[in-house]
Amino acid sequence: MSNKMQSRFTVKTNTVKILFLSFIVFFTAASLSYAQDAAKGKTTQHEMKMDKSMKMDTSMKMGKKGNIKEMMKGNHSSPIAYKGVINLKSIDDNKDGKIYQCPMDFNVLSDKPGVDPKCGMKLKEVTLKQAKNNLTKYGFKVK
C-alpha cells in the first residue's frame, strides 16, 4: 500500500472512530438524563377531560374503608381522583385549610392521610393554596 493510500485509509478510520464515539457519548448522556428525571419523579403532563361540574373518577380502586357512596355523602377521608372543576374547600371537611394530595397525580385528594389508589404513592399534606397551584399548573380547573 502506498503512503498516499495509507494516509487516506487512516483519515477514514479516524473519522469513523470519532463518529462512533460521538454517538456513544450522546446516547450515554441521553440515558443518564432520562434516568435522573425518572428518579426525581418527573412525569409527563397529566391529561384529563374536564367536565363543567366536579365529578369523581369511579374507575379507580377504592381503599378498604372508602367507597363511592361515602364520597357522595361528603366523606373525603379516602383518597379519590377528581375530574372537572374541583372545589377544594368542599374536600377540606375539618376546615383546617389543609388537605392531602398525591405528589404525582395532583387530582387525587383527601382530607385525611392515605395512599393514592392509582400509583400507590403516599399523599402529602398541603395547604389549599398549594393544592390549587399544583392543580392549575397541570391544567385542572379549581373553584
C-alpha atoms as a PDB file:
ATOM      1  CA  MET A   1       0.000   0.000   0.000  1.00  0.00           C
ATOM      2  CA  SER A   2       1.391   3.414  -0.912  1.00  0.00           C
ATOM      3  CA  ASN A   3       1.802   6.206   1.608  1.00  0.00           C
ATOM      4  CA  LYS A   4      -0.953   8.260  -0.051  1.00  0.00           C
ATOM      5  CA  MET A   5      -3.465   5.379   0.137  1.00  0.00           C
ATOM      6  CA  GLN A   6      -2.448   4.552   3.703  1.00  0.00           C
ATOM      7  CA  SER A   7      -2.948   8.200   4.690  1.00  0.00           C
ATOM      8  CA  ARG A   8      -6.499   8.233   3.207  1.00  0.00           C
ATOM      9  CA  PHE A   9      -7.318   4.961   4.960  1.00  0.00           C
ATOM     10  CA  THR A  10      -6.115   6.365   8.305  1.00  0.00           C
ATOM     11  CA  VAL A  11      -8.209   9.520   7.877  1.00  0.00           C
ATOM     12  CA  LYS A  12     -11.336   7.459   7.081  1.00  0.00           C
ATOM     13  CA  THR A  13     -10.712   5.149  10.026  1.00  0.00           C
ATOM     14  CA  ASN A  14     -10.228   8.092  12.397  1.00  0.00           C
ATOM     15  CA  THR A  15     -13.422   9.729  11.120  1.00  0.00           C
ATOM     16  CA  VAL A  16     -15.421   6.543  11.715  1.00  0.00           C
ATOM     17  CA  LYS A  17     -13.949   6.235  15.214  1.00  0.00           C
ATOM     18  CA  ILE A  18     -14.862   9.850  16.053  1.00  0.00           C
ATOM     19  CA  LEU A  19     -18.427   9.426  14.773  1.00  0.00           C
ATOM     20  CA  PHE A  20     -18.838   6.188  16.715  1.00  0.00           C
ATOM     21  CA  LEU A  21     -17.513   7.714  19.955  1.00  0.00           C
ATOM     22  CA  SER A  22     -19.729  10.784  19.479  1.00  0.00           C
ATOM     23  CA  PHE A  23     -22.755   8.525  19.153  1.00  0.00           C
ATOM     24  CA  ILE A  24     -21.795   6.608  22.309  1.00  0.00           C
ATOM     25  CA  VAL A  25     -21.328   9.841  24.303  1.00  0.00           C
ATOM     26  CA  PHE A  26     -24.674  11.238  23.083  1.00  0.00           C
ATOM     27  CA  PHE A  27     -26.533   8.006  23.843  1.00  0.00           C
ATOM     28  CA  THR A  28     -24.995   7.773  27.326  1.00  0.00           C
ATOM     29  CA  ALA A  29     -25.852  11.407  28.132  1.00  0.00           C
ATOM     30  CA  ALA A  30     -29.445  10.954  26.964  1.00  0.00           C
ATOM     31  CA  SER A  31     -29.831   7.776  29.036  1.00  0.00           C
ATOM     32  CA  LEU A  32     -28.457   9.453  32.160  1.00  0.00           C
ATOM     33  CA  SER A  33     -30.755  12.444  31.716  1.00  0.00           C
ATOM     34  CA  TYR A  34     -33.779  10.167  31.372  1.00  0.00           C
ATOM     35  CA  ALA A  35     -32.747   8.154  34.449  1.00  0.00           C
ATOM     36  CA  GLN A  36     -32.303  11.324  36.525  1.00  0.00           C
ATOM     37  CA  ASP A  37     -35.754  12.604  35.511  1.00  0.00           C
ATOM     38  CA  ALA A  38     -37.298   9.268  36.458  1.00  0.00           C
ATOM     39  CA  ALA A  39     -35.501   9.285  39.823  1.00  0.00           C
ATOM     40  CA  LYS A  40     -36.762  12.806  40.582  1.00  0.00           C
ATOM     41  CA  GLY A  41     -40.326  11.711  39.887  1.00  0.00           C
ATOM     42  CA  LYS A  42     -40.829  13.926  36.850  1.00  0.00           C
ATOM     43  CA  THR A  43     -43.764  12.807  34.791  1.00  0.00           C
ATOM     44  CA  THR A  44     -45.388  13.845  31.610  1.00  0.00           C
ATOM     45  CA  GLN A  45     -48.163  16.391  31.844  1.00  0.00           C
ATOM     46  CA  HIS A  46     -51.432  14.912  33.100  1.00  0.00           C
ATOM     47  CA  GLU A  47     -54.147  14.647  30.501  1.00  0.00           C
ATOM     48  CA  MET A  48     -57.756  14.724  31.548  1.00  0.00           C
ATOM     49  CA  LYS A  49     -61.111  15.603  30.055  1.00  0.00           C
ATOM     50  CA  MET A  50     -62.735  18.373  32.048  1.00  0.00           C
ATOM     51  CA  ASP A  51     -66.448  18.480  32.816  1.00  0.00           C
ATOM     52  CA  LYS A  52     -68.360  21.594  33.882  1.00  0.00           C
ATOM     53  CA  SER A  53     -69.026  20.242  37.367  1.00  0.00           C
ATOM     54  CA  MET A  54     -66.811  18.349  39.809  1.00  0.00           C
ATOM     55  CA  LYS A  55     -67.043  14.613  39.269  1.00  0.00           C
ATOM     56  CA  MET A  56     -65.214  11.673  40.770  1.00  0.00           C
ATOM     57  CA  ASP A  57     -63.242   9.149  38.765  1.00  0.00           C
ATOM     58  CA  THR A  58     -65.106   5.995  39.766  1.00  0.00           C
ATOM     59  CA  SER A  59     -62.942   3.758  37.576  1.00  0.00           C
ATOM     60  CA  MET A  60     -60.144   3.587  40.136  1.00  0.00           C
ATOM     61  CA  LYS A  61     -59.991   1.111  43.007  1.00  0.00           C
ATOM     62  CA  MET A  62     -61.043   2.423  46.392  1.00  0.00           C
ATOM     63  CA  GLY A  63     -59.243   1.758  49.657  1.00  0.00           C
ATOM     64  CA  LYS A  64     -60.552  -0.710  52.240  1.00  0.00           C
ATOM     65  CA  LYS A  65     -62.527   1.913  54.148  1.00  0.00           C
ATOM     66  CA  GLY A  66     -63.639   4.055  51.225  1.00  0.00           C
ATOM     67  CA  ASN A  67     -66.401   3.587  48.737  1.00  0.00           C
ATOM     68  CA  ILE A  68     -68.277   5.747  46.271  1.00  0.00           C
ATOM     69  CA  LYS A  69     -71.383   6.098  48.489  1.00  0.00           C
ATOM     70  CA  GLU A  70     -69.267   7.579  51.306  1.00  0.00           C
ATOM     71  CA  MET A  71     -67.706  10.060  48.914  1.00  0.00           C
ATOM     72  CA  MET A  72     -71.099  11.069  47.547  1.00  0.00           C
ATOM     73  CA  LYS A  73     -72.222  11.841  51.121  1.00  0.00           C
ATOM     74  CA  GLY A  74     -69.288  14.230  51.504  1.00  0.00           C
ATOM     75  CA  ASN A  75     -66.893  11.960  53.404  1.00  0.00           C
ATOM     76  CA  HIS A  76     -63.452  12.803  51.997  1.00  0.00           C
ATOM     77  CA  SER A  77     -61.443  10.502  54.262  1.00  0.00           C
ATOM     78  CA  SER A  78     -60.460   8.142  51.415  1.00  0.00           C
ATOM     79  CA  PRO A  79     -58.298   9.375  48.502  1.00  0.00           C
ATOM     80  CA  ILE A  80     -60.163   9.847  45.236  1.00  0.00           C
ATOM     81  CA  ALA A  81     -59.332  11.300  41.809  1.00  0.00           C
ATOM     82  CA  TYR A  82     -61.474  14.272  40.883  1.00  0.00           C
ATOM     83  CA  LYS A  83     -62.430  15.448  37.395  1.00  0.00           C
ATOM     84  CA  GLY A  84     -63.908  18.699  36.167  1.00  0.00           C
ATOM     85  CA  VAL A  85     -63.946  21.808  38.330  1.00  0.00           C
ATOM     86  CA  ILE A  86     -62.508  20.794  41.703  1.00  0.00           C
ATOM     87  CA  ASN A  87     -63.913  22.503  44.814  1.00  0.00           C
ATOM     88  CA  LEU A  88     -61.039  22.271  47.303  1.00  0.00           C
ATOM     89  CA  LYS A  89     -62.980  23.825  50.195  1.00  0.00           C
ATOM     90  CA  SER A  90     -65.589  21.061  49.983  1.00  0.00           C
ATOM     91  CA  ILE A  91     -62.828  18.434  50.346  1.00  0.00           C
ATOM     92  CA  ASP A  92     -61.472  20.149  53.498  1.00  0.00           C
ATOM     93  CA  ASP A  93     -64.002  18.528  55.865  1.00  0.00           C
ATOM     94  CA  ASN A  94     -62.305  19.628  59.101  1.00  0.00           C
ATOM     95  CA  LYS A  95     -61.832  23.209  57.797  1.00  0.00           C
ATOM     96  CA  ASP A  96     -58.156  23.399  58.822  1.00  0.00           C
ATOM     97  CA  GLY A  97     -57.056  24.807  55.455  1.00  0.00           C
ATOM     98  CA  LYS A  98     -55.074  21.670  54.596  1.00  0.00           C
ATOM     99  CA  ILE A  99     -55.757  18.573  52.523  1.00  0.00           C
ATOM    100  CA  TYR A 100     -53.711  15.616  51.305  1.00  0.00           C
ATOM    101  CA  GLN A 101     -52.638  15.454  47.661  1.00  0.00           C
ATOM    102  CA  CYS A 102     -50.707  12.929  45.619  1.00  0.00           C
ATOM    103  CA  PRO A 103     -47.335  14.361  44.505  1.00  0.00           C
ATOM    104  CA  MET A 104     -47.729  12.616  41.131  1.00  0.00           C
ATOM    105  CA  ASP A 105     -51.486  12.596  40.428  1.00  0.00           C
ATOM    106  CA  PHE A 106     -52.433  16.068  41.633  1.00  0.00           C
ATOM    107  CA  ASN A 107     -56.184  15.433  41.280  1.00  0.00           C
ATOM    108  CA  VAL A 108     -56.076  12.617  43.870  1.00  0.00           C
ATOM    109  CA  LEU A 109     -57.183  14.384  47.048  1.00  0.00           C
ATOM    110  CA  SER A 110     -58.338  13.547  50.565  1.00  0.00           C
ATOM    111  CA  ASP A 111     -58.906  15.288  53.879  1.00  0.00           C
ATOM    112  CA  LYS A 112     -57.037  12.521  55.723  1.00  0.00           C
ATOM    113  CA  PRO A 113     -53.634  10.859  55.140  1.00  0.00           C
ATOM    114  CA  GLY A 114     -53.660   7.952  52.729  1.00  0.00           C
ATOM    115  CA  VAL A 115     -52.220   6.327  49.626  1.00  0.00           C
ATOM    116  CA  ASP A 116     -53.060   7.127  46.000  1.00  0.00           C
ATOM    117  CA  PRO A 117     -55.024   4.138  44.665  1.00  0.00           C
ATOM    118  CA  LYS A 118     -53.730   4.873  41.136  1.00  0.00           C
ATOM    119  CA  CYS A 119     -49.955   4.967  41.696  1.00  0.00           C
ATOM    120  CA  GLY A 120     -49.531   3.812  45.303  1.00  0.00           C
ATOM    121  CA  MET A 121     -47.705   6.958  46.439  1.00  0.00           C
ATOM    122  CA  LYS A 122     -48.281   8.364  49.923  1.00  0.00           C
ATOM    123  CA  LEU A 123     -50.405  11.522  49.902  1.00  0.00           C
ATOM    124  CA  LYS A 124     -48.625  14.694  51.017  1.00  0.00           C
ATOM    125  CA  GLU A 125     -50.226  17.278  53.315  1.00  0.00           C
ATOM    126  CA  VAL A 126     -50.541  20.638  51.532  1.00  0.00           C
ATOM    127  CA  THR A 127     -52.389  23.886  52.104  1.00  0.00           C
ATOM    128  CA  LEU A 128     -55.428  24.644  49.959  1.00  0.00           C
ATOM    129  CA  LYS A 129     -53.337  27.292  48.180  1.00  0.00           C
ATOM    130  CA  GLN A 130     -50.551  24.796  47.393  1.00  0.00           C
ATOM    131  CA  ALA A 131     -53.095  22.257  46.152  1.00  0.00           C
ATOM    132  CA  LYS A 132     -54.703  24.891  43.916  1.00  0.00           C
ATOM    133  CA  ASN A 133     -51.301  25.895  42.486  1.00  0.00           C
ATOM    134  CA  ASN A 134     -50.411  22.247  41.740  1.00  0.00           C
ATOM    135  CA  LEU A 135     -53.756  21.603  40.056  1.00  0.00           C
ATOM    136  CA  THR A 136     -53.802  24.746  37.901  1.00  0.00           C
ATOM    137  CA  LYS A 137     -50.162  24.210  36.872  1.00  0.00           C
ATOM    138  CA  TYR A 138     -51.177  20.919  35.243  1.00  0.00           C
ATOM    139  CA  GLY A 139     -54.389  22.095  33.607  1.00  0.00           C
ATOM    140  CA  PHE A 140     -57.008  21.179  36.207  1.00  0.00           C
ATOM    141  CA  LYS A 141     -59.785  23.664  36.947  1.00  0.00           C
ATOM    142  CA  VAL A 142     -60.269  24.723  40.556  1.00  0.00           C
ATOM    143  CA  LYS A 143     -63.166  26.515  42.216  1.00  0.00           C
END
